[in-house]
């Protein structure tokens, strides 16, 4: 039978460094290259986060030095 749908492309995945929340009730996590701090706190529950890896689709962060940027708003 003929199917008109286009075949889906496979999205390349790789091991990515992430920060994962330590709280049992929270499912928060973030990619390391999108974190603003060297050791961030969970933005959802404010708990500590631990570094780990996860298989995720590849994303490129054009602003790779977020951790060295000055904090706060400029007036």
C-alpha atoms as a PDB file:
ATOM      1  CA  UNK A   1       0.000   0.000   0.000  1.00  0.00           C
ATOM      2  CA  UNK A   2       1.241   3.499  -0.786  1.00  0.00           C
ATOM      3  CA  UNK A   3       1.922   5.859   2.129  1.00  0.00           C
ATOM      4  CA  UNK A   4       2.152   9.592   1.383  1.00  0.00           C
ATOM      5  CA  UNK A   5       3.819  10.569   4.650  1.00  0.00           C
ATOM      6  CA  UNK A   6       7.437  11.594   4.409  1.00  0.00           C
ATOM      7  CA  UNK A   7       9.825   9.360   6.324  1.00  0.00           C
ATOM      8  CA  UNK A   8      11.044  10.939   9.556  1.00  0.00           C
ATOM      9  CA  UNK A   9      14.710  11.852   9.764  1.00  0.00           C
ATOM     10  CA  UNK A  10      16.721  10.283  12.530  1.00  0.00           C
ATOM     11  CA  UNK A  11      17.909  12.954  14.939  1.00  0.00           C
ATOM     12  CA  UNK A  12      21.553  12.353  15.884  1.00  0.00           C
ATOM     13  CA  UNK A  13      22.014  11.735  19.604  1.00  0.00           C
ATOM     14  CA  UNK A  14      25.083  11.753  21.806  1.00  0.00           C
ATOM     15  CA  UNK A  15      26.025  11.602  25.483  1.00  0.00           C
ATOM     16  CA  UNK A  16      25.570  15.101  26.895  1.00  0.00           C
ATOM     17  CA  UNK A  17      26.719  16.425  30.256  1.00  0.00           C
ATOM     18  CA  UNK A  18      23.730  17.510  32.335  1.00  0.00           C
ATOM     19  CA  UNK A  19      22.880  18.709  35.830  1.00  0.00           C
ATOM     20  CA  UNK A  20      20.157  16.692  37.545  1.00  0.00           C
ATOM     21  CA  UNK A  21      18.156  17.673  40.652  1.00  0.00           C
ATOM     22  CA  UNK A  22      18.839  15.622  43.793  1.00  0.00           C
ATOM     23  CA  UNK A  23      15.288  15.956  45.159  1.00  0.00           C
ATOM     24  CA  UNK A  24      13.176  12.798  44.863  1.00  0.00           C
ATOM     25  CA  UNK A  25      10.013  14.769  44.107  1.00  0.00           C
ATOM     26  CA  UNK A  26      11.564  17.004  41.411  1.00  0.00           C
ATOM     27  CA  UNK A  27      12.362  15.958  37.835  1.00  0.00           C
ATOM     28  CA  UNK A  28      14.408  19.070  36.988  1.00  0.00           C
ATOM     29  CA  UNK A  29      17.542  18.868  34.853  1.00  0.00           C
ATOM     30  CA  UNK A  30      19.496  21.104  32.467  1.00  0.00           C
ATOM     31  CA  UNK A  31      22.292  20.737  29.957  1.00  0.00           C
ATOM     32  CA  UNK A  32      25.698  21.759  31.298  1.00  0.00           C
ATOM     33  CA  UNK A  33      26.410  24.091  28.374  1.00  0.00           C
ATOM     34  CA  UNK A  34      23.153  25.993  29.091  1.00  0.00           C
ATOM     35  CA  UNK A  35      23.835  26.436  32.846  1.00  0.00           C
ATOM     36  CA  UNK A  36      24.875  29.845  34.184  1.00  0.00           C
ATOM     37  CA  UNK A  37      26.758  28.577  37.264  1.00  0.00           C
ATOM     38  CA  UNK A  38      29.569  26.073  37.715  1.00  0.00           C
ATOM     39  CA  UNK A  39      27.382  24.210  40.237  1.00  0.00           C
ATOM     40  CA  UNK A  40      23.782  25.340  39.653  1.00  0.00           C
ATOM     41  CA  UNK A  41      20.786  24.980  41.942  1.00  0.00           C
ATOM     42  CA  UNK A  42      17.522  23.578  40.628  1.00  0.00           C
ATOM     43  CA  UNK A  43      15.388  26.357  39.108  1.00  0.00           C
ATOM     44  CA  UNK A  44      12.213  24.459  40.042  1.00  0.00           C
ATOM     45  CA  UNK A  45      12.743  23.511  43.699  1.00  0.00           C
ATOM     46  CA  UNK A  46      16.070  25.233  44.621  1.00  0.00           C
ATOM     47  CA  UNK A  47      17.711  21.913  45.614  1.00  0.00           C
ATOM     48  CA  UNK A  48      21.292  20.939  44.852  1.00  0.00           C
ATOM     49  CA  UNK A  49      22.102  19.453  41.459  1.00  0.00           C
ATOM     50  CA  UNK A  50      24.607  16.735  40.533  1.00  0.00           C
ATOM     51  CA  UNK A  51      26.498  16.304  37.287  1.00  0.00           C
ATOM     52  CA  UNK A  52      25.707  13.264  35.129  1.00  0.00           C
ATOM     53  CA  UNK A  53      25.263  12.316  31.468  1.00  0.00           C
ATOM     54  CA  UNK A  54      22.235  11.475  29.345  1.00  0.00           C
ATOM     55  CA  UNK A  55      21.633  10.472  25.722  1.00  0.00           C
ATOM     56  CA  UNK A  56      20.102  13.595  24.151  1.00  0.00           C
ATOM     57  CA  UNK A  57      19.652  15.064  20.682  1.00  0.00           C
ATOM     58  CA  UNK A  58      22.597  17.207  19.628  1.00  0.00           C
ATOM     59  CA  UNK A  59      22.153  20.936  20.241  1.00  0.00           C
ATOM     60  CA  UNK A  60      24.687  23.659  19.650  1.00  0.00           C
ATOM     61  CA  UNK A  61      24.851  26.596  22.047  1.00  0.00           C
ATOM     62  CA  UNK A  62      26.087  29.652  20.141  1.00  0.00           C
ATOM     63  CA  UNK A  63      26.922  31.419  23.407  1.00  0.00           C
ATOM     64  CA  UNK A  64      29.236  28.804  24.875  1.00  0.00           C
ATOM     65  CA  UNK A  65      30.657  30.880  27.754  1.00  0.00           C
ATOM     66  CA  UNK A  66      27.496  31.475  29.839  1.00  0.00           C
ATOM     67  CA  UNK A  67      29.353  30.739  33.082  1.00  0.00           C
ATOM     68  CA  UNK A  68      31.844  33.591  32.532  1.00  0.00           C
ATOM     69  CA  UNK A  69      29.234  36.245  31.737  1.00  0.00           C
ATOM     70  CA  UNK A  70      28.592  38.931  34.375  1.00  0.00           C
ATOM     71  CA  UNK A  71      25.538  38.274  36.508  1.00  0.00           C
ATOM     72  CA  UNK A  72      22.673  40.714  37.046  1.00  0.00           C
ATOM     73  CA  UNK A  73      21.057  43.363  34.891  1.00  0.00           C
ATOM     74  CA  UNK A  74      22.961  46.278  33.438  1.00  0.00           C
ATOM     75  CA  UNK A  75      21.400  49.670  33.993  1.00  0.00           C
END
